[in-house]
Amino acid sequence: MSHARDVAEVVIKALVDEPDQVRVTEIEQRGTAVIEVFVADGDMGRVIGRQGRTATAIRTLVMATADRDAQRVSVEFRDGHGRR
């Protein structure tokens, strides 16, 4: 797995109340790595943050890590049921 995926997993597990429910996957779509973050239903608000600021910060960290590895990446947040 990529460094970007690892960074996303570490940061998100530190933010949520139920870190054992966090699942981070990485798939390839059209030359871009898509990192899907699944969290428990009650933790989605903690990951998104007020006005999406926390989610934006996570995306910035992950993209900076991916850029260092010359990789294109996007981050998608999903609840425990796979919904955005």
N, C-alpha and C. Protein backbone atom coordinates (compact mmCIF):
# COMPACT_ATOMS: atom_id res chain seq x y z
N MET A 1 0.84 -1.19 0.00
CA MET A 1 0.00 0.00 0.00
C MET A 1 0.88 1.26 0.00
N SER A 2 0.27 2.36 -0.31
CA SER A 2 1.02 3.60 -0.46
C SER A 2 1.19 4.33 0.88
N HIS A 3 2.13 5.24 0.88
CA HIS A 3 2.34 6.08 2.05
C HIS A 3 1.11 6.95 2.31
N ALA A 4 0.47 7.43 1.25
CA ALA A 4 -0.71 8.28 1.39
C ALA A 4 -1.83 7.55 2.13
N ARG A 5 -2.03 6.28 1.81
CA ARG A 5 -3.05 5.48 2.49
C ARG A 5 -2.70 5.32 3.97
N ASP A 6 -1.44 5.07 4.24
CA ASP A 6 -0.99 4.92 5.62
C ASP A 6 -1.20 6.19 6.43
N VAL A 7 -0.90 7.34 5.84
CA VAL A 7 -1.10 8.63 6.52
C VAL A 7 -2.58 8.83 6.83
N ALA A 8 -3.44 8.55 5.86
CA ALA A 8 -4.88 8.70 6.07
C ALA A 8 -5.35 7.83 7.23
N GLU A 9 -4.91 6.59 7.25
CA GLU A 9 -5.34 5.65 8.29
C GLU A 9 -4.90 6.11 9.68
N VAL A 10 -3.66 6.52 9.83
CA VAL A 10 -3.14 6.94 11.13
C VAL A 10 -3.89 8.17 11.65
N VAL A 11 -4.07 9.16 10.78
CA VAL A 11 -4.73 10.40 11.19
C VAL A 11 -6.18 10.14 11.57
N ILE A 12 -6.88 9.38 10.77
CA ILE A 12 -8.31 9.14 11.02
C ILE A 12 -8.51 8.30 12.27
N LYS A 13 -7.68 7.30 12.48
CA LYS A 13 -7.81 6.49 13.70
C LYS A 13 -7.57 7.34 14.95
N ALA A 14 -6.73 8.36 14.85
CA ALA A 14 -6.48 9.24 15.99
C ALA A 14 -7.67 10.15 16.27
N LEU A 15 -8.51 10.41 15.28
CA LEU A 15 -9.63 11.34 15.43
C LEU A 15 -10.91 10.71 15.97
N VAL A 16 -11.15 9.46 15.65
CA VAL A 16 -12.45 8.84 15.91
C VAL A 16 -12.54 8.21 17.30
N ASP A 17 -13.78 7.97 17.73
CA ASP A 17 -14.03 7.31 19.01
C ASP A 17 -13.88 5.80 18.91
N GLU A 18 -14.11 5.25 17.70
CA GLU A 18 -14.03 3.81 17.49
C GLU A 18 -12.98 3.49 16.42
N PRO A 19 -11.69 3.56 16.78
CA PRO A 19 -10.64 3.33 15.78
C PRO A 19 -10.64 1.92 15.20
N ASP A 20 -11.17 0.95 15.94
CA ASP A 20 -11.20 -0.42 15.42
C ASP A 20 -12.23 -0.58 14.29
N GLN A 21 -13.12 0.39 14.12
CA GLN A 21 -14.13 0.37 13.06
C GLN A 21 -13.64 1.06 11.78
N VAL A 22 -12.48 1.68 11.84
CA VAL A 22 -11.94 2.40 10.67
C VAL A 22 -11.37 1.39 9.68
N ARG A 23 -11.74 1.59 8.41
CA ARG A 23 -11.20 0.76 7.34
C ARG A 23 -10.81 1.69 6.20
N VAL A 24 -9.59 1.60 5.75
CA VAL A 24 -9.08 2.44 4.67
C VAL A 24 -8.64 1.55 3.53
N THR A 25 -9.24 1.77 2.36
CA THR A 25 -8.89 0.98 1.19
C THR A 25 -8.36 1.90 0.10
N GLU A 26 -7.64 1.32 -0.83
CA GLU A 26 -7.09 2.09 -1.94
C GLU A 26 -7.36 1.34 -3.23
N ILE A 27 -7.99 2.03 -4.17
CA ILE A 27 -8.24 1.45 -5.49
C ILE A 27 -7.71 2.40 -6.55
N GLU A 28 -7.47 1.87 -7.72
CA GLU A 28 -6.93 2.65 -8.82
C GLU A 28 -8.05 2.93 -9.82
N GLN A 29 -8.25 4.21 -10.16
CA GLN A 29 -9.25 4.60 -11.16
C GLN A 29 -8.64 5.63 -12.09
N ARG A 30 -8.49 5.27 -13.34
CA ARG A 30 -8.01 6.20 -14.36
C ARG A 30 -6.72 6.90 -13.97
N GLY A 31 -5.77 6.17 -13.45
CA GLY A 31 -4.48 6.75 -13.11
C GLY A 31 -4.43 7.49 -11.79
N THR A 32 -5.52 7.48 -11.05
CA THR A 32 -5.58 8.15 -9.75
C THR A 32 -5.89 7.12 -8.67
N ALA A 33 -5.16 7.18 -7.58
CA ALA A 33 -5.45 6.31 -6.45
C ALA A 33 -6.60 6.92 -5.67
N VAL A 34 -7.65 6.15 -5.47
CA VAL A 34 -8.80 6.61 -4.69
C VAL A 34 -8.73 5.93 -3.34
N ILE A 35 -8.58 6.73 -2.30
CA ILE A 35 -8.52 6.22 -0.94
C ILE A 35 -9.91 6.37 -0.33
N GLU A 36 -10.53 5.23 -0.02
CA GLU A 36 -11.86 5.23 0.58
C GLU A 36 -11.71 5.01 2.08
N VAL A 37 -12.32 5.89 2.85
CA VAL A 37 -12.24 5.83 4.30
C VAL A 37 -13.63 5.47 4.84
N PHE A 38 -13.72 4.34 5.51
CA PHE A 38 -14.97 3.90 6.12
C PHE A 38 -14.84 4.06 7.63
N VAL A 39 -15.82 4.72 8.25
CA VAL A 39 -15.83 4.91 9.70
C VAL A 39 -17.20 4.53 10.23
N ALA A 40 -17.30 4.34 11.54
CA ALA A 40 -18.58 4.05 12.17
C ALA A 40 -19.51 5.24 11.97
N ASP A 41 -20.82 4.95 11.96
CA ASP A 41 -21.82 6.00 11.71
C ASP A 41 -21.63 7.20 12.63
N GLY A 42 -21.37 6.97 13.90
CA GLY A 42 -21.24 8.06 14.86
C GLY A 42 -19.96 8.86 14.73
N ASP A 43 -18.99 8.37 14.00
CA ASP A 43 -17.70 9.05 13.87
C ASP A 43 -17.59 9.91 12.62
N MET A 44 -18.56 9.84 11.73
CA MET A 44 -18.46 10.60 10.48
C MET A 44 -18.35 12.10 10.75
N GLY A 45 -19.08 12.60 11.71
CA GLY A 45 -19.02 14.03 12.04
C GLY A 45 -17.64 14.46 12.51
N ARG A 46 -16.98 13.61 13.26
CA ARG A 46 -15.63 13.92 13.73
C ARG A 46 -14.64 13.98 12.57
N VAL A 47 -14.82 13.13 11.58
CA VAL A 47 -13.91 13.08 10.44
C VAL A 47 -14.15 14.27 9.50
N ILE A 48 -15.40 14.63 9.32
CA ILE A 48 -15.74 15.75 8.43
C ILE A 48 -15.41 17.09 9.10
N GLY A 49 -15.77 17.24 10.36
CA GLY A 49 -15.47 18.47 11.09
C GLY A 49 -16.42 19.60 10.73
N ARG A 50 -16.26 20.72 11.40
CA ARG A 50 -17.11 21.88 11.15
C ARG A 50 -16.84 22.44 9.76
N GLN A 51 -17.91 22.55 9.00
CA GLN A 51 -17.86 23.07 7.64
C GLN A 51 -16.83 22.33 6.77
N GLY A 52 -16.55 21.07 7.12
CA GLY A 52 -15.66 20.25 6.32
C GLY A 52 -14.18 20.55 6.49
N ARG A 53 -13.84 21.32 7.51
CA ARG A 53 -12.44 21.72 7.69
C ARG A 53 -11.52 20.54 8.00
N THR A 54 -11.97 19.61 8.82
CA THR A 54 -11.13 18.47 9.16
C THR A 54 -10.92 17.59 7.93
N ALA A 55 -11.98 17.36 7.17
CA ALA A 55 -11.87 16.56 5.95
C ALA A 55 -10.91 17.23 4.96
N THR A 56 -10.99 18.54 4.85
CA THR A 56 -10.09 19.27 3.96
C THR A 56 -8.64 19.13 4.42
N ALA A 57 -8.42 19.21 5.72
CA ALA A 57 -7.06 19.07 6.26
C ALA A 57 -6.52 17.66 6.00
N ILE A 58 -7.36 16.65 6.18
CA ILE A 58 -6.94 15.27 5.92
C ILE A 58 -6.58 15.11 4.45
N ARG A 59 -7.42 15.63 3.57
CA ARG A 59 -7.14 15.54 2.13
C ARG A 59 -5.83 16.24 1.78
N THR A 60 -5.58 17.39 2.40
CA THR A 60 -4.34 18.13 2.14
C THR A 60 -3.12 17.31 2.55
N LEU A 61 -3.16 16.71 3.74
CA LEU A 61 -2.06 15.86 4.20
C LEU A 61 -1.82 14.67 3.28
N VAL A 62 -2.90 14.02 2.91
CA VAL A 62 -2.79 12.83 2.06
C VAL A 62 -2.26 13.22 0.68
N MET A 63 -2.75 14.32 0.11
CA MET A 63 -2.28 14.76 -1.21
C MET A 63 -0.82 15.20 -1.18
N ALA A 64 -0.41 15.82 -0.09
CA ALA A 64 1.00 16.22 0.02
C ALA A 64 1.90 14.99 0.09
N THR A 65 1.46 13.97 0.81
CA THR A 65 2.22 12.73 0.88
C THR A 65 2.28 12.04 -0.48
N ALA A 66 1.16 12.01 -1.17
CA ALA A 66 1.11 11.39 -2.50
C ALA A 66 1.96 12.17 -3.50
N ASP A 67 1.95 13.48 -3.39
CA ASP A 67 2.74 14.32 -4.30
C ASP A 67 4.23 14.01 -4.14
N ARG A 68 4.63 13.78 -2.91
CA ARG A 68 6.03 13.42 -2.64
C ARG A 68 6.43 12.14 -3.35
N ASP A 69 5.46 11.24 -3.53
CA ASP A 69 5.69 9.97 -4.21
C ASP A 69 5.30 10.03 -5.69
N ALA A 70 5.05 11.23 -6.20
CA ALA A 70 4.63 11.45 -7.59
C ALA A 70 3.40 10.63 -7.94
N GLN A 71 2.40 10.68 -7.06
CA GLN A 71 1.18 9.92 -7.22
C GLN A 71 -0.02 10.86 -7.16
N ARG A 72 -1.03 10.60 -7.96
CA ARG A 72 -2.28 11.36 -7.89
C ARG A 72 -3.23 10.61 -6.99
N VAL A 73 -3.95 11.34 -6.13
CA VAL A 73 -4.80 10.68 -5.15
C VAL A 73 -6.04 11.52 -4.87
N SER A 74 -7.13 10.85 -4.53
CA SER A 74 -8.31 11.52 -4.01
C SER A 74 -8.78 10.73 -2.79
N VAL A 75 -9.46 11.42 -1.88
CA VAL A 75 -9.91 10.79 -0.64
C VAL A 75 -11.43 10.89 -0.58
N GLU A 76 -12.10 9.78 -0.34
CA GLU A 76 -13.55 9.74 -0.20
C GLU A 76 -13.90 9.18 1.17
N PHE A 77 -14.80 9.87 1.86
CA PHE A 77 -15.23 9.45 3.19
C PHE A 77 -16.58 8.77 3.09
N ARG A 78 -16.70 7.61 3.74
CA ARG A 78 -17.95 6.86 3.72
C ARG A 78 -18.27 6.38 5.14
N ASP A 79 -19.58 6.29 5.44
CA ASP A 79 -19.97 5.77 6.75
C ASP A 79 -19.88 4.24 6.74
N GLY A 80 -20.26 3.61 7.81
CA GLY A 80 -20.15 2.17 7.93
C GLY A 80 -20.93 1.39 6.89
N HIS A 81 -21.91 2.03 6.25
CA HIS A 81 -22.73 1.36 5.25
C HIS A 81 -22.26 1.63 3.83
N GLY A 82 -21.16 2.35 3.69
CA GLY A 82 -20.62 2.64 2.36
C GLY A 82 -21.19 3.90 1.73
N ARG A 83 -22.04 4.63 2.46
CA ARG A 83 -22.62 5.87 1.92
C ARG A 83 -21.66 7.03 2.12
N ARG A 84 -21.72 7.98 1.20
CA ARG A 84 -20.89 9.19 1.31
C ARG A 84 -21.43 10.13 2.33
